[in-house]
Amino acid sequence: MYARVTPFKMKPGTKAAATERLGTMKDAIMGMPGMHKFINVMNEDGTGYVIALVESEETSNANAEAVKSAWGQMAEFLEEMPTPQGYDVVVDWN
């Protein structure tokens, strides 16, 4: 398993609107090939992370354009476009 972790910063006052927009994107995000889990965490100041667990690094790389497009749909709420980082998953406990 592979994790794509993306730090981001929202523009002030956009958390509610961004969260609403994200809700409309669920099917597209979860429909990306190899997607296992999608987690978005955010503080009140608009800083946060997206953690996407996918099948493999290859799958994550193959989804790069779809991921870029998804972030593009959030662009009006972001201070700047975020840069995803990738990691091998060591453990995934439930």
PDB file of N, CA and C in Angstrom:
ATOM      1  N   MET A   1       0.849  -1.175   0.000  1.00  0.00           N
ATOM      2  CA  MET A   1       0.000   0.000   0.000  1.00  0.00           C
ATOM      3  C   MET A   1       0.893   1.236   0.000  1.00  0.00           C
ATOM      4  N   TYR A   2       0.343   2.326  -0.521  1.00  0.00           N
ATOM      5  CA  TYR A   2       1.086   3.568  -0.693  1.00  0.00           C
ATOM      6  C   TYR A   2       0.213   4.724  -0.209  1.00  0.00           C
ATOM      7  N   ALA A   3       0.832   5.711   0.425  1.00  0.00           N
ATOM      8  CA  ALA A   3       0.102   6.888   0.914  1.00  0.00           C
ATOM      9  C   ALA A   3       0.561   8.130   0.166  1.00  0.00           C
ATOM     10  N   ARG A   4      -0.412   8.856  -0.340  1.00  0.00           N
ATOM     11  CA  ARG A   4      -0.151  10.174  -0.920  1.00  0.00           C
ATOM     12  C   ARG A   4      -0.604  11.171   0.144  1.00  0.00           C
ATOM     13  N   VAL A   5       0.348  11.926   0.683  1.00  0.00           N
ATOM     14  CA  VAL A   5       0.074  12.878   1.760  1.00  0.00           C
ATOM     15  C   VAL A   5       0.308  14.276   1.213  1.00  0.00           C
ATOM     16  N   THR A   6      -0.716  15.127   1.353  1.00  0.00           N
ATOM     17  CA  THR A   6      -0.633  16.456   0.759  1.00  0.00           C
ATOM     18  C   THR A   6      -0.963  17.528   1.797  1.00  0.00           C
ATOM     19  N   PRO A   7       0.042  18.317   2.209  1.00  0.00           N
ATOM     20  CA  PRO A   7      -0.246  19.451   3.092  1.00  0.00           C
ATOM     21  C   PRO A   7      -0.880  20.578   2.279  1.00  0.00           C
ATOM     22  N   PHE A   8      -1.811  21.303   2.911  1.00  0.00           N
ATOM     23  CA  PHE A   8      -2.448  22.421   2.213  1.00  0.00           C
ATOM     24  C   PHE A   8      -2.777  23.534   3.191  1.00  0.00           C
ATOM     25  N   LYS A   9      -3.090  24.709   2.640  1.00  0.00           N
ATOM     26  CA  LYS A   9      -3.505  25.870   3.438  1.00  0.00           C
ATOM     27  C   LYS A   9      -4.640  26.552   2.699  1.00  0.00           C
ATOM     28  N   MET A  10      -5.779  26.669   3.371  1.00  0.00           N
ATOM     29  CA  MET A  10      -6.943  27.328   2.792  1.00  0.00           C
ATOM     30  C   MET A  10      -6.876  28.835   3.025  1.00  0.00           C
ATOM     31  N   LYS A  11      -7.515  29.583   2.144  1.00  0.00           N
ATOM     32  CA  LYS A  11      -7.657  31.019   2.349  1.00  0.00           C
ATOM     33  C   LYS A  11      -8.552  31.244   3.574  1.00  0.00           C
ATOM     34  N   PRO A  12      -8.320  32.331   4.303  1.00  0.00           N
ATOM     35  CA  PRO A  12      -9.154  32.609   5.477  1.00  0.00           C
ATOM     36  C   PRO A  12     -10.637  32.667   5.115  1.00  0.00           C
ATOM     37  N   GLY A  13     -11.456  32.095   5.963  1.00  0.00           N
ATOM     38  CA  GLY A  13     -12.900  32.154   5.800  1.00  0.00           C
ATOM     39  C   GLY A  13     -13.488  31.222   4.761  1.00  0.00           C
ATOM     40  N   THR A  14     -12.701  30.280   4.236  1.00  0.00           N
ATOM     41  CA  THR A  14     -13.207  29.418   3.172  1.00  0.00           C
ATOM     42  C   THR A  14     -13.464  27.976   3.606  1.00  0.00           C
ATOM     43  N   LYS A  15     -13.237  27.662   4.869  1.00  0.00           N
ATOM     44  CA  LYS A  15     -13.341  26.270   5.322  1.00  0.00           C
ATOM     45  C   LYS A  15     -14.711  25.664   5.027  1.00  0.00           C
ATOM     46  N   ALA A  16     -15.771  26.354   5.344  1.00  0.00           N
ATOM     47  CA  ALA A  16     -17.120  25.802   5.137  1.00  0.00           C
ATOM     48  C   ALA A  16     -17.408  25.582   3.655  1.00  0.00           C
ATOM     49  N   ALA A  17     -17.100  26.554   2.836  1.00  0.00           N
ATOM     50  CA  ALA A  17     -17.359  26.426   1.389  1.00  0.00           C
ATOM     51  C   ALA A  17     -16.490  25.330   0.781  1.00  0.00           C
ATOM     52  N   ALA A  18     -15.244  25.240   1.213  1.00  0.00           N
ATOM     53  CA  ALA A  18     -14.346  24.205   0.701  1.00  0.00           C
ATOM     54  C   ALA A  18     -14.831  22.819   1.112  1.00  0.00           C
ATOM     55  N   THR A  19     -15.301  22.690   2.334  1.00  0.00           N
ATOM     56  CA  THR A  19     -15.811  21.408   2.814  1.00  0.00           C
ATOM     57  C   THR A  19     -17.054  20.999   2.026  1.00  0.00           C
ATOM     58  N   GLU A  20     -17.909  21.967   1.729  1.00  0.00           N
ATOM     59  CA  GLU A  20     -19.098  21.684   0.919  1.00  0.00           C
ATOM     60  C   GLU A  20     -18.698  21.221  -0.483  1.00  0.00           C
ATOM     61  N   ARG A  21     -17.747  21.908  -1.106  1.00  0.00           N
ATOM     62  CA  ARG A  21     -17.274  21.531  -2.438  1.00  0.00           C
ATOM     63  C   ARG A  21     -16.685  20.126  -2.403  1.00  0.00           C
ATOM     64  N   LEU A  22     -15.872  19.852  -1.394  1.00  0.00           N
ATOM     65  CA  LEU A  22     -15.251  18.534  -1.276  1.00  0.00           C
ATOM     66  C   LEU A  22     -16.307  17.440  -1.222  1.00  0.00           C
ATOM     67  N   GLY A  23     -17.400  17.701  -0.537  1.00  0.00           N
ATOM     68  CA  GLY A  23     -18.490  16.723  -0.449  1.00  0.00           C
ATOM     69  C   GLY A  23     -19.048  16.346  -1.808  1.00  0.00           C
ATOM     70  N   THR A  24     -19.027  17.271  -2.747  1.00  0.00           N
ATOM     71  CA  THR A  24     -19.543  16.980  -4.092  1.00  0.00           C
ATOM     72  C   THR A  24     -18.562  16.160  -4.921  1.00  0.00           C
ATOM     73  N   MET A  25     -17.335  16.031  -4.434  1.00  0.00           N
ATOM     74  CA  MET A  25     -16.276  15.360  -5.180  1.00  0.00           C
ATOM     75  C   MET A  25     -16.045  13.921  -4.731  1.00  0.00           C
ATOM     76  N   LYS A  26     -16.803  13.451  -3.759  1.00  0.00           N
ATOM     77  CA  LYS A  26     -16.560  12.134  -3.160  1.00  0.00           C
ATOM     78  C   LYS A  26     -16.511  11.012  -4.197  1.00  0.00           C
ATOM     79  N   ASP A  27     -17.500  10.920  -5.064  1.00  0.00           N
ATOM     80  CA  ASP A  27     -17.540   9.819  -6.028  1.00  0.00           C
ATOM     81  C   ASP A  27     -16.317   9.823  -6.948  1.00  0.00           C
ATOM     82  N   ALA A  28     -15.912  11.003  -7.396  1.00  0.00           N
ATOM     83  CA  ALA A  28     -14.745  11.092  -8.279  1.00  0.00           C
ATOM     84  C   ALA A  28     -13.458  10.707  -7.548  1.00  0.00           C
ATOM     85  N   ILE A  29     -13.332  11.171  -6.316  1.00  0.00           N
ATOM     86  CA  ILE A  29     -12.123  10.856  -5.538  1.00  0.00           C
ATOM     87  C   ILE A  29     -12.065   9.367  -5.219  1.00  0.00           C
ATOM     88  N   MET A  30     -13.143   8.837  -4.677  1.00  0.00           N
ATOM     89  CA  MET A  30     -13.148   7.424  -4.289  1.00  0.00           C
ATOM     90  C   MET A  30     -13.163   6.498  -5.511  1.00  0.00           C
ATOM     91  N   GLY A  31     -13.510   7.031  -6.670  1.00  0.00           N
ATOM     92  CA  GLY A  31     -13.526   6.247  -7.895  1.00  0.00           C
ATOM     93  C   GLY A  31     -12.182   6.180  -8.601  1.00  0.00           C
ATOM     94  N   MET A  32     -11.180   6.887  -8.086  1.00  0.00           N
ATOM     95  CA  MET A  32      -9.855   6.797  -8.694  1.00  0.00           C
ATOM     96  C   MET A  32      -9.336   5.372  -8.538  1.00  0.00           C
ATOM     97  N   PRO A  33      -8.705   4.848  -9.573  1.00  0.00           N
ATOM     98  CA  PRO A  33      -8.189   3.485  -9.503  1.00  0.00           C
ATOM     99  C   PRO A  33      -7.295   3.260  -8.275  1.00  0.00           C
ATOM    100  N   GLY A  34      -7.514   2.153  -7.607  1.00  0.00           N
ATOM    101  CA  GLY A  34      -6.675   1.752  -6.483  1.00  0.00           C
ATOM    102  C   GLY A  34      -6.916   2.478  -5.173  1.00  0.00           C
ATOM    103  N   MET A  35      -7.919   3.364  -5.116  1.00  0.00           N
ATOM    104  CA  MET A  35      -8.173   4.130  -3.893  1.00  0.00           C
ATOM    105  C   MET A  35      -8.741   3.223  -2.808  1.00  0.00           C
ATOM    106  N   HIS A  36      -8.106   3.243  -1.642  1.00  0.00           N
ATOM    107  CA  HIS A  36      -8.580   2.469  -0.495  1.00  0.00           C
ATOM    108  C   HIS A  36      -9.240   3.360   0.554  1.00  0.00           C
ATOM    109  N   LYS A  37      -8.611   4.515   0.816  1.00  0.00           N
ATOM    110  CA  LYS A  37      -9.107   5.390   1.883  1.00  0.00           C
ATOM    111  C   LYS A  37      -8.700   6.824   1.575  1.00  0.00           C
ATOM    112  N   PHE A  38      -9.579   7.759   1.930  1.00  0.00           N
ATOM    113  CA  PHE A  38      -9.315   9.186   1.726  1.00  0.00           C
ATOM    114  C   PHE A  38      -9.645   9.898   3.028  1.00  0.00           C
ATOM    115  N   ILE A  39      -8.678  10.607   3.577  1.00  0.00           N
ATOM    116  CA  ILE A  39      -8.873  11.338   4.837  1.00  0.00           C
ATOM    117  C   ILE A  39      -8.429  12.781   4.618  1.00  0.00           C
ATOM    118  N   ASN A  40      -9.274  13.716   5.048  1.00  0.00           N
ATOM    119  CA  ASN A  40      -8.928  15.129   4.982  1.00  0.00           C
ATOM    120  C   ASN A  40      -9.026  15.667   6.403  1.00  0.00           C
ATOM    121  N   VAL A  41      -7.940  16.246   6.892  1.00  0.00           N
ATOM    122  CA  VAL A  41      -7.931  16.852   8.227  1.00  0.00           C
ATOM    123  C   VAL A  41      -7.564  18.322   8.084  1.00  0.00           C
ATOM    124  N   MET A  42      -8.228  19.170   8.895  1.00  0.00           N
ATOM    125  CA  MET A  42      -7.991  20.606   8.775  1.00  0.00           C
ATOM    126  C   MET A  42      -8.224  21.282  10.123  1.00  0.00           C
ATOM    127  N   ASN A  43      -7.338  22.199  10.471  1.00  0.00           N
ATOM    128  CA  ASN A  43      -7.501  23.023  11.668  1.00  0.00           C
ATOM    129  C   ASN A  43      -8.332  24.247  11.340  1.00  0.00           C
ATOM    130  N   GLU A  44      -8.751  24.943  12.369  1.00  0.00           N
ATOM    131  CA  GLU A  44      -9.553  26.162  12.189  1.00  0.00           C
ATOM    132  C   GLU A  44      -8.819  27.234  11.389  1.00  0.00           C
ATOM    133  N   ASP A  45      -7.482  27.225  11.423  1.00  0.00           N
ATOM    134  CA  ASP A  45      -6.723  28.231  10.667  1.00  0.00           C
ATOM    135  C   ASP A  45      -6.580  27.882   9.186  1.00  0.00           C
ATOM    136  N   GLY A  46      -7.173  26.742   8.762  1.00  0.00           N
ATOM    137  CA  GLY A  46      -7.154  26.365   7.355  1.00  0.00           C
ATOM    138  C   GLY A  46      -5.978  25.504   6.939  1.00  0.00           C
ATOM    139  N   THR A  47      -5.079  25.190   7.869  1.00  0.00           N
ATOM    140  CA  THR A  47      -3.994  24.271   7.532  1.00  0.00           C
ATOM    141  C   THR A  47      -4.494  22.845   7.671  1.00  0.00           C
ATOM    142  N   GLY A  48      -3.993  21.982   6.803  1.00  0.00           N
ATOM    143  CA  GLY A  48      -4.429  20.602   6.893  1.00  0.00           C
ATOM    144  C   GLY A  48      -3.633  19.678   6.006  1.00  0.00           C
ATOM    145  N   TYR A  49      -4.109  18.437   5.965  1.00  0.00           N
ATOM    146  CA  TYR A  49      -3.491  17.391   5.158  1.00  0.00           C
ATOM    147  C   TYR A  49      -4.574  16.539   4.525  1.00  0.00           C
ATOM    148  N   VAL A  50      -4.306  16.079   3.332  1.00  0.00           N
ATOM    149  CA  VAL A  50      -5.087  15.011   2.713  1.00  0.00           C
ATOM    150  C   VAL A  50      -4.196  13.778   2.731  1.00  0.00           C
ATOM    151  N   ILE A  51      -4.751  12.678   3.214  1.00  0.00           N
ATOM    152  CA  ILE A  51      -4.053  11.399   3.218  1.00  0.00           C
ATOM    153  C   ILE A  51      -4.879  10.437   2.385  1.00  0.00           C
ATOM    154  N   ALA A  52      -4.309   9.994   1.276  1.00  0.00           N
ATOM    155  CA  ALA A  52      -4.990   9.051   0.395  1.00  0.00           C
ATOM    156  C   ALA A  52      -4.200   7.751   0.391  1.00  0.00           C
ATOM    157  N   LEU A  53      -4.849   6.665   0.787  1.00  0.00           N
ATOM    158  CA  LEU A  53      -4.214   5.354   0.733  1.00  0.00           C
ATOM    159  C   LEU A  53      -4.627   4.676  -0.561  1.00  0.00           C
ATOM    160  N   VAL A  54      -3.627   4.320  -1.356  1.00  0.00           N
ATOM    161  CA  VAL A  54      -3.874   3.698  -2.647  1.00  0.00           C
ATOM    162  C   VAL A  54      -3.104   2.379  -2.750  1.00  0.00           C
ATOM    163  N   GLU A  55      -3.449   1.628  -3.767  1.00  0.00           N
ATOM    164  CA  GLU A  55      -2.903   0.277  -3.956  1.00  0.00           C
ATOM    165  C   GLU A  55      -1.375   0.242  -4.008  1.00  0.00           C
ATOM    166  N   SER A  56      -0.773   1.183  -4.764  1.00  0.00           N
ATOM    167  CA  SER A  56       0.679   1.145  -4.966  1.00  0.00           C
ATOM    168  C   SER A  56       1.172   2.519  -5.419  1.00  0.00           C
ATOM    169  N   GLU A  57       2.474   2.688  -5.412  1.00  0.00           N
ATOM    170  CA  GLU A  57       3.074   3.918  -5.920  1.00  0.00           C
ATOM    171  C   GLU A  57       2.756   4.084  -7.407  1.00  0.00           C
ATOM    172  N   GLU A  58       2.772   2.994  -8.136  1.00  0.00           N
ATOM    173  CA  GLU A  58       2.468   3.046  -9.561  1.00  0.00           C
ATOM    174  C   GLU A  58       1.043   3.556  -9.793  1.00  0.00           C
ATOM    175  N   THR A  59       0.106   3.047  -8.990  1.00  0.00           N
ATOM    176  CA  THR A  59      -1.284   3.489  -9.093  1.00  0.00           C
ATOM    177  C   THR A  59      -1.393   4.970  -8.746  1.00  0.00           C
ATOM    178  N   SER A  60      -0.709   5.386  -7.692  1.00  0.00           N
ATOM    179  CA  SER A  60      -0.718   6.789  -7.300  1.00  0.00           C
ATOM    180  C   SER A  60      -0.190   7.660  -8.438  1.00  0.00           C
ATOM    181  N   ASN A  61       0.910   7.240  -9.035  1.00  0.00           N
ATOM    182  CA  ASN A  61       1.487   8.003 -10.147  1.00  0.00           C
ATOM    183  C   ASN A  61       0.537   8.056 -11.338  1.00  0.00           C
ATOM    184  N   ALA A  62      -0.143   6.957 -11.599  1.00  0.00           N
ATOM    185  CA  ALA A  62      -1.092   6.912 -12.722  1.00  0.00           C
ATOM    186  C   ALA A  62      -2.286   7.837 -12.486  1.00  0.00           C
ATOM    187  N   ASN A  63      -2.597   8.105 -11.229  1.00  0.00           N
ATOM    188  CA  ASN A  63      -3.711   8.990 -10.878  1.00  0.00           C
ATOM    189  C   ASN A  63      -3.311  10.461 -10.823  1.00  0.00           C
ATOM    190  N   ALA A  64      -2.072  10.777 -11.122  1.00  0.00           N
ATOM    191  CA  ALA A  64      -1.555  12.137 -10.931  1.00  0.00           C
ATOM    192  C   ALA A  64      -2.401  13.210 -11.610  1.00  0.00           C
ATOM    193  N   GLU A  65      -2.833  12.985 -12.836  1.00  0.00           N
ATOM    194  CA  GLU A  65      -3.631  13.996 -13.535  1.00  0.00           C
ATOM    195  C   GLU A  65      -5.005  14.160 -12.893  1.00  0.00           C
ATOM    196  N   ALA A  66      -5.620  13.069 -12.468  1.00  0.00           N
ATOM    197  CA  ALA A  66      -6.920  13.144 -11.793  1.00  0.00           C
ATOM    198  C   ALA A  66      -6.791  13.871 -10.458  1.00  0.00           C
ATOM    199  N   VAL A  67      -5.699  13.624  -9.747  1.00  0.00           N
ATOM    200  CA  VAL A  67      -5.448  14.311  -8.470  1.00  0.00           C
ATOM    201  C   VAL A  67      -5.255  15.806  -8.715  1.00  0.00           C
ATOM    202  N   LYS A  68      -4.475  16.141  -9.728  1.00  0.00           N
ATOM    203  CA  LYS A  68      -4.249  17.553 -10.071  1.00  0.00           C
ATOM    204  C   LYS A  68      -5.572  18.234 -10.425  1.00  0.00           C
ATOM    205  N   SER A  69      -6.419  17.542 -11.161  1.00  0.00           N
ATOM    206  CA  SER A  69      -7.722  18.079 -11.534  1.00  0.00           C
ATOM    207  C   SER A  69      -8.596  18.304 -10.297  1.00  0.00           C
ATOM    208  N   ALA A  70      -8.555  17.366  -9.365  1.00  0.00           N
ATOM    209  CA  ALA A  70      -9.340  17.506  -8.131  1.00  0.00           C
ATOM    210  C   ALA A  70      -8.881  18.726  -7.340  1.00  0.00           C
ATOM    211  N   TRP A  71      -7.576  18.903  -7.209  1.00  0.00           N
ATOM    212  CA  TRP A  71      -7.084  20.087  -6.510  1.00  0.00           C
ATOM    213  C   TRP A  71      -7.469  21.356  -7.275  1.00  0.00           C
ATOM    214  N   GLY A  72      -7.514  21.276  -8.597  1.00  0.00           N
ATOM    215  CA  GLY A  72      -7.935  22.419  -9.399  1.00  0.00           C
ATOM    216  C   GLY A  72      -9.352  22.864  -9.078  1.00  0.00           C
ATOM    217  N   GLN A  73     -10.211  21.899  -8.746  1.00  0.00           N
ATOM    218  CA  GLN A  73     -11.586  22.235  -8.367  1.00  0.00           C
ATOM    219  C   GLN A  73     -11.650  22.952  -7.012  1.00  0.00           C
ATOM    220  N   MET A  74     -10.568  22.854  -6.250  1.00  0.00           N
ATOM    221  CA  MET A  74     -10.499  23.503  -4.940  1.00  0.00           C
ATOM    222  C   MET A  74      -9.669  24.788  -4.976  1.00  0.00           C
ATOM    223  N   ALA A  75      -9.145  25.142  -6.141  1.00  0.00           N
ATOM    224  CA  ALA A  75      -8.170  26.236  -6.272  1.00  0.00           C
ATOM    225  C   ALA A  75      -8.650  27.559  -5.681  1.00  0.00           C
ATOM    226  N   GLU A  76      -9.925  27.880  -5.863  1.00  0.00           N
ATOM    227  CA  GLU A  76     -10.407  29.181  -5.379  1.00  0.00           C
ATOM    228  C   GLU A  76     -10.346  29.307  -3.856  1.00  0.00           C
ATOM    229  N   PHE A  77     -10.245  28.182  -3.163  1.00  0.00           N
ATOM    230  CA  PHE A  77     -10.202  28.183  -1.704  1.00  0.00           C
ATOM    231  C   PHE A  77      -8.785  28.084  -1.145  1.00  0.00           C
ATOM    232  N   LEU A  78      -7.818  27.749  -1.986  1.00  0.00           N
ATOM    233  CA  LEU A  78      -6.449  27.481  -1.541  1.00  0.00           C
ATOM    234  C   LEU A  78      -5.564  28.711  -1.623  1.00  0.00           C
ATOM    235  N   GLU A  79      -4.674  28.864  -0.636  1.00  0.00           N
ATOM    236  CA  GLU A  79      -3.686  29.940  -0.710  1.00  0.00           C
ATOM    237  C   GLU A  79      -2.705  29.679  -1.844  1.00  0.00           C
ATOM    238  N   GLU A  80      -2.366  28.416  -2.069  1.00  0.00           N
ATOM    239  CA  GLU A  80      -1.523  28.021  -3.203  1.00  0.00           C
ATOM    240  C   GLU A  80      -1.788  26.547  -3.489  1.00  0.00           C
ATOM    241  N   MET A  81      -1.452  26.130  -4.693  1.00  0.00           N
ATOM    242  CA  MET A  81      -1.652  24.731  -5.048  1.00  0.00           C
ATOM    243  C   MET A  81      -0.686  23.867  -4.244  1.00  0.00           C
ATOM    244  N   PRO A  82      -1.208  22.829  -3.610  1.00  0.00           N
ATOM    245  CA  PRO A  82      -0.350  21.968  -2.792  1.00  0.00           C
ATOM    246  C   PRO A  82       0.442  20.979  -3.639  1.00  0.00           C
ATOM    247  N   THR A  83       1.469  20.433  -3.025  1.00  0.00           N
ATOM    248  CA  THR A  83       2.318  19.437  -3.673  1.00  0.00           C
ATOM    249  C   THR A  83       2.197  18.117  -2.918  1.00  0.00           C
ATOM    250  N   PRO A  84       1.639  17.089  -3.554  1.00  0.00           N
ATOM    251  CA  PRO A  84       1.535  15.779  -2.905  1.00  0.00           C
ATOM    252  C   PRO A  84       2.920  15.161  -2.686  1.00  0.00           C
ATOM    253  N   GLN A  85       3.019  14.396  -1.616  1.00  0.00           N
ATOM    254  CA  GLN A  85       4.225  13.637  -1.314  1.00  0.00           C
ATOM    255  C   GLN A  85       3.819  12.192  -1.141  1.00  0.00           C
ATOM    256  N   GLY A  86       4.684  11.254  -1.482  1.00  0.00           N
ATOM    257  CA  GLY A  86       4.326   9.853  -1.403  1.00  0.00           C
ATOM    258  C   GLY A  86       5.174   9.083  -0.421  1.00  0.00           C
ATOM    259  N   TYR A  87       4.552   8.082   0.198  1.00  0.00           N
ATOM    260  CA  TYR A  87       5.210   7.262   1.211  1.00  0.00           C
ATOM    261  C   TYR A  87       4.737   5.824   1.122  1.00  0.00           C
ATOM    262  N   ASP A  88       5.627   4.890   1.389  1.00  0.00           N
ATOM    263  CA  ASP A  88       5.213   3.504   1.558  1.00  0.00           C
ATOM    264  C   ASP A  88       4.507   3.384   2.897  1.00  0.00           C
ATOM    265  N   VAL A  89       3.396   2.669   2.924  1.00  0.00           N
ATOM    266  CA  VAL A  89       2.666   2.461   4.175  1.00  0.00           C
ATOM    267  C   VAL A  89       3.348   1.339   4.942  1.00  0.00           C
ATOM    268  N   VAL A  90       3.745   1.619   6.159  1.00  0.00           N
ATOM    269  CA  VAL A  90       4.396   0.633   7.010  1.00  0.00           C
ATOM    270  C   VAL A  90       3.355  -0.179   7.766  1.00  0.00           C
ATOM    271  N   VAL A  91       2.359   0.512   8.361  1.00  0.00           N
ATOM    272  CA  VAL A  91       1.224  -0.161   9.006  1.00  0.00           C
ATOM    273  C   VAL A  91      -0.038   0.617   8.729  1.00  0.00           C
ATOM    274  N   ASP A  92      -1.156  -0.071   8.734  1.00  0.00           N
ATOM    275  CA  ASP A  92      -2.483   0.534   8.579  1.00  0.00           C
ATOM    276  C   ASP A  92      -3.414  -0.207   9.541  1.00  0.00           C
ATOM    277  N   TRP A  93      -3.396   0.207  10.780  1.00  0.00           N
ATOM    278  CA  TRP A  93      -4.205  -0.435  11.813  1.00  0.00           C
ATOM    279  C   TRP A  93      -5.581   0.193  11.896  1.00  0.00           C
ATOM    280  N   ASN A  94      -6.587  -0.624  12.123  1.00  0.00           N
ATOM    281  CA  ASN A  94      -7.948  -0.133  12.345  1.00  0.00           C
ATOM    282  C   ASN A  94      -8.369  -0.449  13.759  1.00  0.00           C
TER     283      ASN A  94
END
